[in-house]
């Protein structure tokens, strides 16, 4: 009997098996870009959930990176919020302060707002506590903190919003254009967060999230500019915060830039409270390593 470690794996055969049983052709070298429809080229493969091979494709035109047909998503979303996301509470608190300032300076504070893919409803609850008429929408996660303030609680004819927010969502979107079609049927302004694709060491980028398998779409500034043009919107960006809107630059407060810079807490990996550094980033690293070992 041959020792398993001495068995030579034919990767081509493995890719064929994936194609046969999952409908995925990992040997495929190009796929249409989900943003601009240019032929995207395969740039590397990674192991997802420590068990599934996945091919990553990048568009030579807009730079968008996609995973073609991520068949593991049902497993990845067995829990809607991954346990690796230890920054969920901190993120909601900090984004709520940021969004409060942006709304007060740039939008009608008395209008209705929606947090899209709003998870447990924590952000919606915080914003309502601040006095803003926020609602929540999420098809896949239970509403724990904003019950009775879900989009389903509004009459269909009332489902128009001054601004829609979405934090840590767009990188989860398997079909971004379909989701954006829905969002822009409800609003003229969309404020969201996502990390932009780095210029180096892409294959080891932490935001790929291979350990939890929920991140499947990755953006460059150029790909977001393409989206803005498609929907006839202006696009403004500062760090991880982005906005598509009908408002001209002169109408958008320059304070957005200073607000984001002042709260650029994710990339620094810590938050100062008096002299105590936050454990959010170190906890994320620890939990991610445990997650990998568990899988």
C-alpha atoms as a PDB file:
ATOM      1  CA  UNK A   1       0.000   0.000   0.000  1.00  0.00           C
ATOM      2  CA  UNK A   2       1.412   3.402  -0.990  1.00  0.00           C
ATOM      3  CA  UNK A   3       1.732   5.940   1.813  1.00  0.00           C
ATOM      4  CA  UNK A   4      -0.774   8.768   1.185  1.00  0.00           C
ATOM      5  CA  UNK A   5       1.931  11.414   1.321  1.00  0.00           C
ATOM      6  CA  UNK A   6       3.663   9.803  -1.652  1.00  0.00           C
ATOM      7  CA  UNK A   7       0.602   9.909  -3.881  1.00  0.00           C
ATOM      8  CA  UNK A   8       1.071  12.445  -6.651  1.00  0.00           C
ATOM      9  CA  UNK A   9      -2.006  14.645  -7.108  1.00  0.00           C
ATOM     10  CA  UNK A  10      -2.991  15.532 -10.648  1.00  0.00           C
ATOM     11  CA  UNK A  11      -4.353  19.046 -10.186  1.00  0.00           C
ATOM     12  CA  UNK A  12      -5.948  18.943 -13.614  1.00  0.00           C
ATOM     13  CA  UNK A  13      -7.919  15.885 -12.574  1.00  0.00           C
ATOM     14  CA  UNK A  14      -8.945  17.584  -9.323  1.00  0.00           C
ATOM     15  CA  UNK A  15     -10.169  20.627 -11.261  1.00  0.00           C
ATOM     16  CA  UNK A  16     -12.113  18.307 -13.577  1.00  0.00           C
ATOM     17  CA  UNK A  17     -13.788  16.647 -10.562  1.00  0.00           C
ATOM     18  CA  UNK A  18     -14.836  20.083  -9.261  1.00  0.00           C
ATOM     19  CA  UNK A  19     -16.248  20.916 -12.679  1.00  0.00           C
ATOM     20  CA  UNK A  20     -18.118  17.616 -12.869  1.00  0.00           C
ATOM     21  CA  UNK A  21     -19.669  17.745  -9.381  1.00  0.00           C
ATOM     22  CA  UNK A  22     -19.985  21.459  -8.680  1.00  0.00           C
ATOM     23  CA  UNK A  23     -20.362  22.981 -12.127  1.00  0.00           C
ATOM     24  CA  UNK A  24     -17.099  24.883 -11.611  1.00  0.00           C
ATOM     25  CA  UNK A  25     -14.307  24.778 -14.153  1.00  0.00           C
ATOM     26  CA  UNK A  26     -11.181  25.746 -12.205  1.00  0.00           C
ATOM     27  CA  UNK A  27      -9.055  25.250 -15.300  1.00  0.00           C
ATOM     28  CA  UNK A  28     -10.923  28.079 -17.049  1.00  0.00           C
ATOM     29  CA  UNK A  29      -8.461  30.901 -17.746  1.00  0.00           C
ATOM     30  CA  UNK A  30     -10.937  33.728 -18.403  1.00  0.00           C
ATOM     31  CA  UNK A  31     -14.453  34.704 -17.300  1.00  0.00           C
ATOM     32  CA  UNK A  32     -16.552  37.819 -18.003  1.00  0.00           C
ATOM     33  CA  UNK A  33     -15.997  40.614 -15.479  1.00  0.00           C
ATOM     34  CA  UNK A  34     -19.117  41.093 -13.354  1.00  0.00           C
ATOM     35  CA  UNK A  35     -18.623  44.857 -13.429  1.00  0.00           C
ATOM     36  CA  UNK A  36     -17.603  45.819 -16.981  1.00  0.00           C
ATOM     37  CA  UNK A  37     -17.931  42.491 -18.863  1.00  0.00           C
ATOM     38  CA  UNK A  38     -14.294  42.491 -20.032  1.00  0.00           C
ATOM     39  CA  UNK A  39     -12.573  39.087 -20.045  1.00  0.00           C
ATOM     40  CA  UNK A  40     -11.085  38.638 -16.570  1.00  0.00           C
ATOM     41  CA  UNK A  41      -7.941  36.528 -16.278  1.00  0.00           C
ATOM     42  CA  UNK A  42      -7.211  33.920 -13.624  1.00  0.00           C
ATOM     43  CA  UNK A  43      -4.503  35.251 -11.311  1.00  0.00           C
ATOM     44  CA  UNK A  44      -4.265  32.593  -8.582  1.00  0.00           C
ATOM     45  CA  UNK A  45      -6.083  29.882  -6.641  1.00  0.00           C
ATOM     46  CA  UNK A  46      -6.675  29.684  -2.913  1.00  0.00           C
ATOM     47  CA  UNK A  47      -8.095  27.155  -0.489  1.00  0.00           C
ATOM     48  CA  UNK A  48     -11.457  28.331   0.878  1.00  0.00           C
ATOM     49  CA  UNK A  49     -12.711  27.139   4.274  1.00  0.00           C
ATOM     50  CA  UNK A  50      -9.510  25.109   4.256  1.00  0.00           C
ATOM     51  CA  UNK A  51     -11.114  22.576   1.900  1.00  0.00           C
ATOM     52  CA  UNK A  52     -12.339  24.027  -1.427  1.00  0.00           C
ATOM     53  CA  UNK A  53     -10.167  25.186  -4.296  1.00  0.00           C
ATOM     54  CA  UNK A  54     -11.208  28.557  -5.684  1.00  0.00           C
ATOM     55  CA  UNK A  55      -9.926  30.491  -8.675  1.00  0.00           C
ATOM     56  CA  UNK A  56      -9.616  34.274  -8.485  1.00  0.00           C
ATOM     57  CA  UNK A  57     -10.005  36.318 -11.675  1.00  0.00           C
ATOM     58  CA  UNK A  58      -8.971  39.937 -12.218  1.00  0.00           C
ATOM     59  CA  UNK A  59     -10.295  42.265 -14.901  1.00  0.00           C
ATOM     60  CA  UNK A  60      -7.531  43.933 -16.972  1.00  0.00           C
ATOM     61  CA  UNK A  61      -9.864  46.856 -17.662  1.00  0.00           C
ATOM     62  CA  UNK A  62     -11.360  47.906 -14.309  1.00  0.00           C
ATOM     63  CA  UNK A  63      -9.253  45.807 -11.916  1.00  0.00           C
ATOM     64  CA  UNK A  64     -12.231  44.101 -10.223  1.00  0.00           C
ATOM     65  CA  UNK A  65     -11.448  40.658  -8.745  1.00  0.00           C
ATOM     66  CA  UNK A  66     -14.087  37.935  -8.535  1.00  0.00           C
ATOM     67  CA  UNK A  67     -14.422  34.319  -7.544  1.00  0.00           C
ATOM     68  CA  UNK A  68     -16.375  32.545 -10.250  1.00  0.00           C
ATOM     69  CA  UNK A  69     -19.408  30.664  -8.869  1.00  0.00           C
ATOM     70  CA  UNK A  70     -18.557  30.308  -5.158  1.00  0.00           C
ATOM     71  CA  UNK A  71     -20.472  27.076  -4.555  1.00  0.00           C
ATOM     72  CA  UNK A  72     -19.575  26.935  -0.833  1.00  0.00           C
ATOM     73  CA  UNK A  73     -21.649  29.966   0.215  1.00  0.00           C
ATOM     74  CA  UNK A  74     -24.407  27.947   1.898  1.00  0.00           C
ATOM     75  CA  UNK A  75     -21.768  26.428   4.138  1.00  0.00           C
ATOM     76  CA  UNK A  76     -19.985  29.759   4.660  1.00  0.00           C
ATOM     77  CA  UNK A  77     -23.268  31.355   5.760  1.00  0.00           C
ATOM     78  CA  UNK A  78     -24.330  28.556   8.091  1.00  0.00           C
ATOM     79  CA  UNK A  79     -23.907  31.446  10.527  1.00  0.00           C
ATOM     80  CA  UNK A  80     -24.840  34.745   8.854  1.00  0.00           C
ATOM     81  CA  UNK A  81     -22.187  36.619  10.856  1.00  0.00           C
ATOM     82  CA  UNK A  82     -18.847  34.840  10.814  1.00  0.00           C
ATOM     83  CA  UNK A  83     -17.182  34.325  14.201  1.00  0.00           C
ATOM     84  CA  UNK A  84     -14.045  35.897  12.731  1.00  0.00           C
ATOM     85  CA  UNK A  85     -15.837  39.253  12.639  1.00  0.00           C
ATOM     86  CA  UNK A  86     -14.843  40.333  16.146  1.00  0.00           C
ATOM     87  CA  UNK A  87     -14.934  43.996  15.065  1.00  0.00           C
ATOM     88  CA  UNK A  88     -18.694  44.045  14.495  1.00  0.00           C
ATOM     89  CA  UNK A  89     -19.644  46.056  17.593  1.00  0.00           C
ATOM     90  CA  UNK A  90     -16.722  48.485  17.391  1.00  0.00           C
ATOM     91  CA  UNK A  91     -17.399  49.016  13.661  1.00  0.00           C
ATOM     92  CA  UNK A  92     -21.074  49.804  14.231  1.00  0.00           C
ATOM     93  CA  UNK A  93     -20.320  52.300  16.992  1.00  0.00           C
ATOM     94  CA  UNK A  94     -17.666  54.123  14.979  1.00  0.00           C
ATOM     95  CA  UNK A  95     -19.543  54.126  11.686  1.00  0.00           C
ATOM     96  CA  UNK A  96     -22.629  55.450  13.475  1.00  0.00           C
ATOM     97  CA  UNK A  97     -20.664  58.513  14.628  1.00  0.00           C
ATOM     98  CA  UNK A  98     -19.242  58.982  11.149  1.00  0.00           C
ATOM     99  CA  UNK A  99     -22.619  58.618   9.391  1.00  0.00           C
ATOM    100  CA  UNK A 100     -24.304  60.966  11.875  1.00  0.00           C
ATOM    101  CA  UNK A 101     -21.867  63.714  10.925  1.00  0.00           C
ATOM    102  CA  UNK A 102     -22.184  63.010   7.186  1.00  0.00           C
ATOM    103  CA  UNK A 103     -25.997  63.114   7.303  1.00  0.00           C
ATOM    104  CA  UNK A 104     -26.098  66.321   9.338  1.00  0.00           C
ATOM    105  CA  UNK A 105     -23.761  68.065   6.897  1.00  0.00           C
ATOM    106  CA  UNK A 106     -25.029  66.698   3.595  1.00  0.00           C
ATOM    107  CA  UNK A 107     -28.512  65.155   3.751  1.00  0.00           C
ATOM    108  CA  UNK A 108     -32.022  65.804   5.019  1.00  0.00           C
ATOM    109  CA  UNK A 109     -31.785  64.684   8.640  1.00  0.00           C
ATOM    110  CA  UNK A 110     -35.568  64.285   8.908  1.00  0.00           C
ATOM    111  CA  UNK A 111     -35.881  61.849   5.991  1.00  0.00           C
ATOM    112  CA  UNK A 112     -35.936  58.030   6.045  1.00  0.00           C
ATOM    113  CA  UNK A 113     -32.706  56.020   5.842  1.00  0.00           C
ATOM    114  CA  UNK A 114     -31.935  52.339   5.287  1.00  0.00           C
ATOM    115  CA  UNK A 115     -29.068  50.139   6.437  1.00  0.00           C
ATOM    116  CA  UNK A 116     -28.806  47.500   3.707  1.00  0.00           C
ATOM    117  CA  UNK A 117     -27.512  44.035   4.673  1.00  0.00           C
ATOM    118  CA  UNK A 118     -27.901  45.352   8.191  1.00  0.00           C
ATOM    119  CA  UNK A 119     -27.160  42.118  10.044  1.00  0.00           C
ATOM    120  CA  UNK A 120     -28.556  41.959  13.563  1.00  0.00           C
ATOM    121  CA  UNK A 121     -29.882  45.525  13.288  1.00  0.00           C
ATOM    122  CA  UNK A 122     -27.348  47.004  15.694  1.00  0.00           C
ATOM    123  CA  UNK A 123     -26.410  49.933  13.435  1.00  0.00           C
ATOM    124  CA  UNK A 124     -30.086  50.740  12.795  1.00  0.00           C
ATOM    125  CA  UNK A 125     -30.810  50.696  16.525  1.00  0.00           C
ATOM    126  CA  UNK A 126     -27.879  53.019  17.262  1.00  0.00           C
ATOM    127  CA  UNK A 127     -28.925  55.466  14.537  1.00  0.00           C
ATOM    128  CA  UNK A 128     -32.523  55.479  15.784  1.00  0.00           C
ATOM    129  CA  UNK A 129     -31.195  56.133  19.287  1.00  0.00           C
ATOM    130  CA  UNK A 130     -29.416  59.160  17.784  1.00  0.00           C
ATOM    131  CA  UNK A 131     -32.753  60.381  16.397  1.00  0.00           C
ATOM    132  CA  UNK A 132     -32.511  59.317  12.746  1.00  0.00           C
ATOM    133  CA  UNK A 133     -35.411  57.464  11.088  1.00  0.00           C
ATOM    134  CA  UNK A 134     -33.376  54.399  10.087  1.00  0.00           C
ATOM    135  CA  UNK A 135     -34.687  51.048   8.892  1.00  0.00           C
ATOM    136  CA  UNK A 136     -32.905  47.782   8.242  1.00  0.00           C
ATOM    137  CA  UNK A 137     -32.909  45.198   5.444  1.00  0.00           C
ATOM    138  CA  UNK A 138     -31.169  41.817   5.496  1.00  0.00           C
ATOM    139  CA  UNK A 139     -32.546  38.683   3.830  1.00  0.00           C
ATOM    140  CA  UNK A 140     -30.149  36.301   5.546  1.00  0.00           C
ATOM    141  CA  UNK A 141     -29.720  37.449   9.135  1.00  0.00           C
ATOM    142  CA  UNK A 142     -32.145  37.661  12.044  1.00  0.00           C
ATOM    143  CA  UNK A 143     -33.126  41.159  13.136  1.00  0.00           C
ATOM    144  CA  UNK A 144     -32.325  41.232  16.860  1.00  0.00           C
ATOM    145  CA  UNK A 145     -31.947  44.911  17.729  1.00  0.00           C
ATOM    146  CA  UNK A 146     -34.266  46.745  15.302  1.00  0.00           C
ATOM    147  CA  UNK A 147     -37.456  44.698  15.322  1.00  0.00           C
ATOM    148  CA  UNK A 148     -40.448  46.659  13.954  1.00  0.00           C
ATOM    149  CA  UNK A 149     -38.017  48.864  12.010  1.00  0.00           C
ATOM    150  CA  UNK A 150     -37.305  46.526   9.126  1.00  0.00           C
ATOM    151  CA  UNK A 151     -37.979  47.481   5.514  1.00  0.00           C
ATOM    152  CA  UNK A 152     -40.750  44.863   5.595  1.00  0.00           C
ATOM    153  CA  UNK A 153     -42.511  47.021   8.210  1.00  0.00           C
ATOM    154  CA  UNK A 154     -42.871  49.828   5.651  1.00  0.00           C
ATOM    155  CA  UNK A 155     -45.574  49.940   2.945  1.00  0.00           C
ATOM    156  CA  UNK A 156     -44.028  49.286  -0.466  1.00  0.00           C
ATOM    157  CA  UNK A 157     -44.875  52.815  -1.655  1.00  0.00           C
ATOM    158  CA  UNK A 158     -42.919  54.235   1.316  1.00  0.00           C
ATOM    159  CA  UNK A 159     -39.713  52.362   0.539  1.00  0.00           C
ATOM    160  CA  UNK A 160     -37.745  55.349  -0.726  1.00  0.00           C
ATOM    161  CA  UNK A 161     -34.768  56.582   1.256  1.00  0.00           C
ATOM    162  CA  UNK A 162     -32.645  59.729   1.470  1.00  0.00           C
ATOM    163  CA  UNK A 163     -29.520  57.588   1.898  1.00  0.00           C
ATOM    164  CA  UNK A 164     -28.780  53.867   2.059  1.00  0.00           C
ATOM    165  CA  UNK A 165     -25.778  52.622   4.025  1.00  0.00           C
ATOM    166  CA  UNK A 166     -24.050  49.234   3.810  1.00  0.00           C
ATOM    167  CA  UNK A 167     -20.963  48.353   5.812  1.00  0.00           C
ATOM    168  CA  UNK A 168     -18.964  45.224   5.071  1.00  0.00           C
ATOM    169  CA  UNK A 169     -21.456  44.159   2.423  1.00  0.00           C
ATOM    170  CA  UNK A 170     -20.331  44.794  -1.145  1.00  0.00           C
ATOM    171  CA  UNK A 171     -17.397  42.371  -0.942  1.00  0.00           C
ATOM    172  CA  UNK A 172     -19.968  39.669  -0.051  1.00  0.00           C
ATOM    173  CA  UNK A 173     -22.065  40.327  -3.170  1.00  0.00           C
ATOM    174  CA  UNK A 174     -21.889  37.423  -5.617  1.00  0.00           C
ATOM    175  CA  UNK A 175     -23.750  39.520  -8.209  1.00  0.00           C
ATOM    176  CA  UNK A 176     -22.889  43.157  -7.362  1.00  0.00           C
ATOM    177  CA  UNK A 177     -24.804  44.743 -10.237  1.00  0.00           C
ATOM    178  CA  UNK A 178     -28.027  42.921  -9.310  1.00  0.00           C
ATOM    179  CA  UNK A 179     -27.731  44.168  -5.719  1.00  0.00           C
ATOM    180  CA  UNK A 180     -26.918  47.708  -6.867  1.00  0.00           C
ATOM    181  CA  UNK A 181     -29.924  47.701  -9.208  1.00  0.00           C
ATOM    182  CA  UNK A 182     -32.077  46.995  -6.152  1.00  0.00           C
ATOM    183  CA  UNK A 183     -30.349  49.620  -3.993  1.00  0.00           C
ATOM    184  CA  UNK A 184     -30.694  52.376  -6.609  1.00  0.00           C
ATOM    185  CA  UNK A 185     -34.373  51.570  -7.039  1.00  0.00           C
ATOM    186  CA  UNK A 186     -34.720  52.742  -3.424  1.00  0.00           C
ATOM    187  CA  UNK A 187     -32.357  55.730  -3.203  1.00  0.00           C
ATOM    188  CA  UNK A 188     -30.207  58.251  -5.065  1.00  0.00           C
ATOM    189  CA  UNK A 189     -27.314  58.029  -2.588  1.00  0.00           C
ATOM    190  CA  UNK A 190     -25.443  54.939  -1.382  1.00  0.00           C
ATOM    191  CA  UNK A 191     -22.770  55.119   1.326  1.00  0.00           C
ATOM    192  CA  UNK A 192     -20.726  51.973   1.902  1.00  0.00           C
ATOM    193  CA  UNK A 193     -17.432  50.616   3.140  1.00  0.00           C
ATOM    194  CA  UNK A 194     -14.988  48.231   1.548  1.00  0.00           C
ATOM    195  CA  UNK A 195     -11.226  47.852   1.417  1.00  0.00           C
ATOM    196  CA  UNK A 196      -9.704  48.571  -1.996  1.00  0.00           C
ATOM    197  CA  UNK A 197      -7.409  46.020  -3.651  1.00  0.00           C
ATOM    198  CA  UNK A 198      -3.790  46.567  -2.566  1.00  0.00           C
ATOM    199  CA  UNK A 199      -0.970  47.112  -5.044  1.00  0.00           C
ATOM    200  CA  UNK A 200       1.220  44.316  -3.670  1.00  0.00           C
ATOM    201  CA  UNK A 201       1.141  40.962  -1.857  1.00  0.00           C
ATOM    202  CA  UNK A 202      -2.408  40.462  -3.113  1.00  0.00           C
ATOM    203  CA  UNK A 203      -2.475  36.700  -2.637  1.00  0.00           C
ATOM    204  CA  UNK A 204      -1.848  37.125   1.104  1.00  0.00           C
ATOM    205  CA  UNK A 205      -4.248  40.050   1.577  1.00  0.00           C
ATOM    206  CA  UNK A 206      -6.196  39.526   4.812  1.00  0.00           C
ATOM    207  CA  UNK A 207      -9.405  40.880   3.269  1.00  0.00           C
ATOM    208  CA  UNK A 208      -9.703  37.892   0.914  1.00  0.00           C
ATOM    209  CA  UNK A 209     -11.178  36.109   3.951  1.00  0.00           C
ATOM    210  CA  UNK A 210     -10.431  32.597   2.700  1.00  0.00           C
ATOM    211  CA  UNK A 211     -10.878  31.204   6.215  1.00  0.00           C
ATOM    212  CA  UNK A 212     -14.576  32.143   6.305  1.00  0.00           C
ATOM    213  CA  UNK A 213     -15.353  32.072   2.554  1.00  0.00           C
ATOM    214  CA  UNK A 214     -17.826  34.978   2.565  1.00  0.00           C
ATOM    215  CA  UNK A 215     -15.804  37.559   0.601  1.00  0.00           C
ATOM    216  CA  UNK A 216     -16.155  36.942  -3.140  1.00  0.00           C
ATOM    217  CA  UNK A 217     -15.909  40.374  -4.815  1.00  0.00           C
ATOM    218  CA  UNK A 218     -13.039  42.869  -4.545  1.00  0.00           C
ATOM    219  CA  UNK A 219     -12.812  46.381  -5.915  1.00  0.00           C
ATOM    220  CA  UNK A 220     -10.402  48.958  -7.243  1.00  0.00           C
ATOM    221  CA  UNK A 221     -11.145  52.668  -7.403  1.00  0.00           C
ATOM    222  CA  UNK A 222     -11.470  52.276 -11.181  1.00  0.00           C
ATOM    223  CA  UNK A 223     -14.108  49.540 -10.846  1.00  0.00           C
ATOM    224  CA  UNK A 224     -16.124  51.741  -8.478  1.00  0.00           C
ATOM    225  CA  UNK A 225     -15.811  54.648 -10.920  1.00  0.00           C
ATOM    226  CA  UNK A 226     -17.183  52.350 -13.631  1.00  0.00           C
ATOM    227  CA  UNK A 227     -20.169  51.516 -11.412  1.00  0.00           C
ATOM    228  CA  UNK A 228     -20.793  55.223 -10.762  1.00  0.00           C
ATOM    229  CA  UNK A 229     -20.809  55.933 -14.492  1.00  0.00           C
ATOM    230  CA  UNK A 230     -23.189  53.030 -15.131  1.00  0.00           C
ATOM    231  CA  UNK A 231     -25.744  54.476 -12.703  1.00  0.00           C
ATOM    232  CA  UNK A 232     -25.057  58.114 -13.643  1.00  0.00           C
ATOM    233  CA  UNK A 233     -23.763  58.942 -10.153  1.00  0.00           C
ATOM    234  CA  UNK A 234     -20.924  60.975  -8.744  1.00  0.00           C
ATOM    235  CA  UNK A 235     -18.379  58.885  -6.841  1.00  0.00           C
ATOM    236  CA  UNK A 236     -16.372  60.078  -3.848  1.00  0.00           C
ATOM    237  CA  UNK A 237     -13.963  58.004  -1.789  1.00  0.00           C
ATOM    238  CA  UNK A 238     -11.828  58.408   1.290  1.00  0.00           C
ATOM    239  CA  UNK A 239     -10.008  55.383   2.662  1.00  0.00           C
ATOM    240  CA  UNK A 240     -12.459  52.518   3.124  1.00  0.00           C
ATOM    241  CA  UNK A 241     -15.535  54.753   2.880  1.00  0.00           C
ATOM    242  CA  UNK A 242     -17.229  55.342  -0.502  1.00  0.00           C
ATOM    243  CA  UNK A 243     -20.360  57.090  -1.748  1.00  0.00           C
ATOM    244  CA  UNK A 244     -22.374  57.040  -4.973  1.00  0.00           C
ATOM    245  CA  UNK A 245     -24.725  60.010  -5.144  1.00  0.00           C
ATOM    246  CA  UNK A 246     -26.530  62.501  -7.370  1.00  0.00           C
ATOM    247  CA  UNK A 247     -25.070  65.318  -5.279  1.00  0.00           C
ATOM    248  CA  UNK A 248     -22.250  67.272  -6.918  1.00  0.00           C
ATOM    249  CA  UNK A 249     -18.905  67.585  -5.214  1.00  0.00           C
ATOM    250  CA  UNK A 250     -19.703  71.141  -4.140  1.00  0.00           C
ATOM    251  CA  UNK A 251     -22.724  69.771  -2.250  1.00  0.00           C
ATOM    252  CA  UNK A 252     -20.742  67.088  -0.425  1.00  0.00           C
ATOM    253  CA  UNK A 253     -19.000  68.487   2.620  1.00  0.00           C
ATOM    254  CA  UNK A 254     -15.217  68.452   2.544  1.00  0.00           C
ATOM    255  CA  UNK A 255     -15.537  67.394   6.152  1.00  0.00           C
ATOM    256  CA  UNK A 256     -16.187  63.807   4.980  1.00  0.00           C
ATOM    257  CA  UNK A 257     -12.465  63.483   4.286  1.00  0.00           C
ATOM    258  CA  UNK A 258     -11.418  64.771   7.696  1.00  0.00           C
ATOM    259  CA  UNK A 259     -14.068  62.663   9.447  1.00  0.00           C
ATOM    260  CA  UNK A 260     -12.830  59.466   7.810  1.00  0.00           C
ATOM    261  CA  UNK A 261      -9.184  60.277   8.434  1.00  0.00           C
ATOM    262  CA  UNK A 262      -9.905  60.963  12.081  1.00  0.00           C
ATOM    263  CA  UNK A 263     -11.628  57.594  12.387  1.00  0.00           C
ATOM    264  CA  UNK A 264      -9.290  55.508  10.242  1.00  0.00           C
ATOM    265  CA  UNK A 265      -9.275  52.831  12.926  1.00  0.00           C
ATOM    266  CA  UNK A 266      -9.358  49.630  10.901  1.00  0.00           C
ATOM    267  CA  UNK A 267      -6.044  50.044   9.087  1.00  0.00           C
ATOM    268  CA  UNK A 268      -4.297  51.105  12.287  1.00  0.00           C
ATOM    269  CA  UNK A 269      -5.591  47.948  13.944  1.00  0.00           C
ATOM    270  CA  UNK A 270      -6.225  49.563  17.317  1.00  0.00           C
ATOM    271  CA  UNK A 271      -8.453  52.112  18.968  1.00  0.00           C
ATOM    272  CA  UNK A 272      -7.246  54.398  21.707  1.00  0.00           C
ATOM    273  CA  UNK A 273      -9.469  54.730  24.753  1.00  0.00           C
ATOM    274  CA  UNK A 274      -7.454  56.870  27.114  1.00  0.00           C
ATOM    275  CA  UNK A 275      -4.145  54.950  27.179  1.00  0.00           C
ATOM    276  CA  UNK A 276      -5.556  51.470  26.526  1.00  0.00           C
ATOM    277  CA  UNK A 277      -5.125  50.045  23.007  1.00  0.00           C
ATOM    278  CA  UNK A 278      -8.098  48.126  21.662  1.00  0.00           C
ATOM    279  CA  UNK A 279      -7.894  44.351  21.407  1.00  0.00           C
ATOM    280  CA  UNK A 280     -10.099  44.268  18.272  1.00  0.00           C
ATOM    281  CA  UNK A 281      -7.300  43.624  15.773  1.00  0.00           C
ATOM    282  CA  UNK A 282      -5.301  41.210  17.942  1.00  0.00           C
ATOM    283  CA  UNK A 283      -8.519  39.307  18.702  1.00  0.00           C
ATOM    284  CA  UNK A 284      -9.241  39.092  14.973  1.00  0.00           C
ATOM    285  CA  UNK A 285      -5.784  37.602  14.315  1.00  0.00           C
ATOM    286  CA  UNK A 286      -6.185  35.100  17.167  1.00  0.00           C
ATOM    287  CA  UNK A 287      -9.693  34.016  16.158  1.00  0.00           C
ATOM    288  CA  UNK A 288      -8.692  33.712  12.497  1.00  0.00           C
ATOM    289  CA  UNK A 289      -5.847  31.352  13.407  1.00  0.00           C
ATOM    290  CA  UNK A 290      -8.171  29.249  15.577  1.00  0.00           C
ATOM    291  CA  UNK A 291     -10.700  29.201  12.766  1.00  0.00           C
ATOM    292  CA  UNK A 292      -8.081  27.861  10.344  1.00  0.00           C
ATOM    293  CA  UNK A 293      -7.019  25.101  12.764  1.00  0.00           C
ATOM    294  CA  UNK A 294     -10.645  24.145  13.450  1.00  0.00           C
ATOM    295  CA  UNK A 295     -11.397  23.813   9.748  1.00  0.00           C
END
